[in-house]
Amino acid sequence: MHPEQPSPIRHPLITHQRHLVTEYAFCLGEIPTTIRVRLYKQQEGQRYSCEQSHYIQTPLQDEPAFDSADDHASLDACLAAITDAMVAQYQQAEQAGHRPSENWLLPSREFD
């Protein structure tokens, strides 16, 4: 085990353990707001999950796009689940004639 990776806590009350692997930041198209994604590795197993600073909700969407499966086989798969959905929603809105706007990004209440 790499020295910077914590060992799982061995207590029955401590569950769903994960540790932060990295944080990734990007901008989406013409929207200047920086979107940050924190990527976590589960302590048991080789699965990954993430948290994101913003969700996209274009004029075409009734609600923001969320990654419904927060359990991925790799860091790349985890990041792709978020970015692929954002890109698809962004492009659909643009193709429908909407101009990209910072209002399309909704800050996550759980990301601090």
C-alpha atoms as a PDB file:
ATOM      1  CA  MET A   1       0.000   0.000   0.000  1.00  0.00           C
ATOM      2  CA  HIS A   2       1.256   3.477  -0.882  1.00  0.00           C
ATOM      3  CA  PRO A   3       2.210   5.461   2.266  1.00  0.00           C
ATOM      4  CA  GLU A   4      -0.200   8.356   1.480  1.00  0.00           C
ATOM      5  CA  GLN A   5      -3.205   6.042   1.253  1.00  0.00           C
ATOM      6  CA  PRO A   6      -4.945   5.496   4.576  1.00  0.00           C
ATOM      7  CA  SER A   7      -5.760   2.009   5.737  1.00  0.00           C
ATOM      8  CA  PRO A   8      -9.448   1.213   6.170  1.00  0.00           C
ATOM      9  CA  ILE A   9     -10.758   1.908   9.662  1.00  0.00           C
ATOM     10  CA  ARG A  10     -11.715  -1.391  11.248  1.00  0.00           C
ATOM     11  CA  HIS A  11     -14.841  -0.604  13.237  1.00  0.00           C
ATOM     12  CA  PRO A  12     -18.390  -1.801  12.474  1.00  0.00           C
ATOM     13  CA  LEU A  13     -19.816   1.722  12.799  1.00  0.00           C
ATOM     14  CA  ILE A  14     -17.461   3.153  10.173  1.00  0.00           C
ATOM     15  CA  THR A  15     -18.877   2.323   6.739  1.00  0.00           C
ATOM     16  CA  HIS A  16     -18.694   3.493   3.112  1.00  0.00           C
ATOM     17  CA  GLN A  17     -15.078   4.534   3.479  1.00  0.00           C
ATOM     18  CA  ARG A  18     -13.334   6.303   0.633  1.00  0.00           C
ATOM     19  CA  HIS A  19     -10.386   8.645   0.254  1.00  0.00           C
ATOM     20  CA  LEU A  20      -9.746  11.596  -2.026  1.00  0.00           C
ATOM     21  CA  VAL A  21      -7.534  10.684  -4.974  1.00  0.00           C
ATOM     22  CA  THR A  22      -7.525  13.948  -6.906  1.00  0.00           C
ATOM     23  CA  GLU A  23      -9.495  17.028  -7.860  1.00  0.00           C
ATOM     24  CA  TYR A  24     -10.010  17.892 -11.529  1.00  0.00           C
ATOM     25  CA  ALA A  25     -11.113  21.300 -12.838  1.00  0.00           C
ATOM     26  CA  PHE A  26     -12.419  22.387 -16.254  1.00  0.00           C
ATOM     27  CA  CYS A  27     -14.614  24.906 -18.036  1.00  0.00           C
ATOM     28  CA  LEU A  28     -17.449  23.941 -20.341  1.00  0.00           C
ATOM     29  CA  GLY A  29     -17.541  25.595 -23.755  1.00  0.00           C
ATOM     30  CA  GLU A  30     -18.230  29.333 -23.580  1.00  0.00           C
ATOM     31  CA  ILE A  31     -19.184  29.251 -19.883  1.00  0.00           C
ATOM     32  CA  PRO A  32     -16.266  30.745 -17.912  1.00  0.00           C
ATOM     33  CA  THR A  33     -17.190  29.188 -14.552  1.00  0.00           C
ATOM     34  CA  THR A  34     -14.695  26.586 -13.348  1.00  0.00           C
ATOM     35  CA  ILE A  35     -16.302  23.212 -12.620  1.00  0.00           C
ATOM     36  CA  ARG A  36     -14.427  21.063 -10.108  1.00  0.00           C
ATOM     37  CA  VAL A  37     -14.745  17.333  -9.649  1.00  0.00           C
ATOM     38  CA  ARG A  38     -13.358  15.470  -6.629  1.00  0.00           C
ATOM     39  CA  LEU A  39     -12.566  11.832  -7.331  1.00  0.00           C
ATOM     40  CA  TYR A  40     -12.577   9.273  -4.512  1.00  0.00           C
ATOM     41  CA  LYS A  41     -11.461   5.654  -4.256  1.00  0.00           C
ATOM     42  CA  GLN A  42     -13.381   3.243  -2.088  1.00  0.00           C
ATOM     43  CA  GLN A  43     -11.275   1.783   0.708  1.00  0.00           C
ATOM     44  CA  GLU A  44     -12.499  -1.736  -0.012  1.00  0.00           C
ATOM     45  CA  GLY A  45     -12.259  -2.716  -3.660  1.00  0.00           C
ATOM     46  CA  GLN A  46     -11.214  -0.853  -6.761  1.00  0.00           C
ATOM     47  CA  ARG A  47     -14.257   1.357  -7.350  1.00  0.00           C
ATOM     48  CA  TYR A  48     -14.390   5.148  -7.689  1.00  0.00           C
ATOM     49  CA  SER A  49     -16.948   7.840  -6.964  1.00  0.00           C
ATOM     50  CA  CYS A  50     -17.017  11.609  -7.301  1.00  0.00           C
ATOM     51  CA  GLU A  51     -18.486  14.920  -6.200  1.00  0.00           C
ATOM     52  CA  GLN A  52     -18.912  17.880  -8.513  1.00  0.00           C
ATOM     53  CA  SER A  53     -19.086  21.614  -7.831  1.00  0.00           C
ATOM     54  CA  HIS A  54     -21.766  22.361 -10.443  1.00  0.00           C
ATOM     55  CA  TYR A  55     -24.535  20.601 -12.340  1.00  0.00           C
ATOM     56  CA  ILE A  56     -25.796  21.614 -15.764  1.00  0.00           C
ATOM     57  CA  GLN A  57     -29.393  22.581 -16.409  1.00  0.00           C
ATOM     58  CA  THR A  58     -29.954  24.131 -19.814  1.00  0.00           C
ATOM     59  CA  PRO A  59     -33.263  25.657 -20.945  1.00  0.00           C
ATOM     60  CA  LEU A  60     -34.109  22.242 -22.453  1.00  0.00           C
ATOM     61  CA  GLN A  61     -33.884  20.388 -19.117  1.00  0.00           C
ATOM     62  CA  ASP A  62     -36.596  20.215 -16.468  1.00  0.00           C
ATOM     63  CA  GLU A  63     -33.986  19.358 -13.840  1.00  0.00           C
ATOM     64  CA  PRO A  64     -30.183  19.266 -13.634  1.00  0.00           C
ATOM     65  CA  ALA A  65     -28.276  16.297 -15.037  1.00  0.00           C
ATOM     66  CA  PHE A  66     -26.945  14.012 -12.291  1.00  0.00           C
ATOM     67  CA  ASP A  67     -24.655  10.980 -12.504  1.00  0.00           C
ATOM     68  CA  SER A  68     -27.091   8.333 -11.294  1.00  0.00           C
ATOM     69  CA  ALA A  69     -24.423   5.646 -10.830  1.00  0.00           C
ATOM     70  CA  ASP A  70     -21.793   6.927  -8.439  1.00  0.00           C
ATOM     71  CA  ASP A  71     -19.749   3.743  -8.710  1.00  0.00           C
ATOM     72  CA  HIS A  72     -17.180   3.450 -11.472  1.00  0.00           C
ATOM     73  CA  ALA A  73     -14.368   1.070 -12.430  1.00  0.00           C
ATOM     74  CA  SER A  74     -11.734   3.785 -12.972  1.00  0.00           C
ATOM     75  CA  LEU A  75     -10.957   7.458 -12.478  1.00  0.00           C
ATOM     76  CA  ASP A  76     -11.429   8.025 -16.204  1.00  0.00           C
ATOM     77  CA  ALA A  77     -14.859   6.342 -16.202  1.00  0.00           C
ATOM     78  CA  CYS A  78     -15.918   8.417 -13.220  1.00  0.00           C
ATOM     79  CA  LEU A  79     -14.875  11.684 -14.856  1.00  0.00           C
ATOM     80  CA  ALA A  80     -16.352  10.687 -18.219  1.00  0.00           C
ATOM     81  CA  ALA A  81     -19.752  10.026 -16.639  1.00  0.00           C
ATOM     82  CA  ILE A  82     -19.908  13.657 -15.536  1.00  0.00           C
ATOM     83  CA  THR A  83     -18.302  15.361 -18.512  1.00  0.00           C
ATOM     84  CA  ASP A  84     -20.093  13.311 -21.190  1.00  0.00           C
ATOM     85  CA  ALA A  85     -23.494  14.240 -19.721  1.00  0.00           C
ATOM     86  CA  MET A  86     -22.549  17.915 -19.427  1.00  0.00           C
ATOM     87  CA  VAL A  87     -21.224  18.078 -22.989  1.00  0.00           C
ATOM     88  CA  ALA A  88     -24.328  16.356 -24.384  1.00  0.00           C
ATOM     89  CA  GLN A  89     -26.726  18.742 -22.608  1.00  0.00           C
ATOM     90  CA  TYR A  90     -24.643  21.777 -23.592  1.00  0.00           C
ATOM     91  CA  GLN A  91     -24.529  20.757 -27.265  1.00  0.00           C
ATOM     92  CA  GLN A  92     -28.254  19.952 -27.420  1.00  0.00           C
ATOM     93  CA  ALA A  93     -29.127  23.385 -26.044  1.00  0.00           C
ATOM     94  CA  GLU A  94     -26.764  25.098 -28.483  1.00  0.00           C
ATOM     95  CA  GLN A  95     -28.214  23.131 -31.414  1.00  0.00           C
ATOM     96  CA  ALA A  96     -31.697  24.215 -30.319  1.00  0.00           C
ATOM     97  CA  GLY A  97     -30.581  27.855 -30.643  1.00  0.00           C
ATOM     98  CA  HIS A  98     -29.831  28.693 -26.994  1.00  0.00           C
ATOM     99  CA  ARG A  99     -26.794  30.802 -26.196  1.00  0.00           C
ATOM    100  CA  PRO A 100     -24.538  29.315 -23.484  1.00  0.00           C
ATOM    101  CA  SER A 101     -24.914  31.031 -20.126  1.00  0.00           C
ATOM    102  CA  GLU A 102     -23.420  30.819 -16.647  1.00  0.00           C
ATOM    103  CA  ASN A 103     -27.039  30.370 -15.518  1.00  0.00           C
ATOM    104  CA  TRP A 104     -26.850  26.862 -16.975  1.00  0.00           C
ATOM    105  CA  LEU A 105     -24.551  25.848 -14.108  1.00  0.00           C
ATOM    106  CA  LEU A 106     -26.109  25.201 -10.719  1.00  0.00           C
ATOM    107  CA  PRO A 107     -23.700  25.096  -7.760  1.00  0.00           C
ATOM    108  CA  SER A 108     -23.858  21.924  -5.700  1.00  0.00           C
ATOM    109  CA  ARG A 109     -25.052  22.588  -2.150  1.00  0.00           C
ATOM    110  CA  GLU A 110     -22.910  19.693  -0.927  1.00  0.00           C
ATOM    111  CA  PHE A 111     -19.618  20.785  -2.500  1.00  0.00           C
ATOM    112  CA  ASP A 112     -17.604  23.128  -0.329  1.00  0.00           C
END
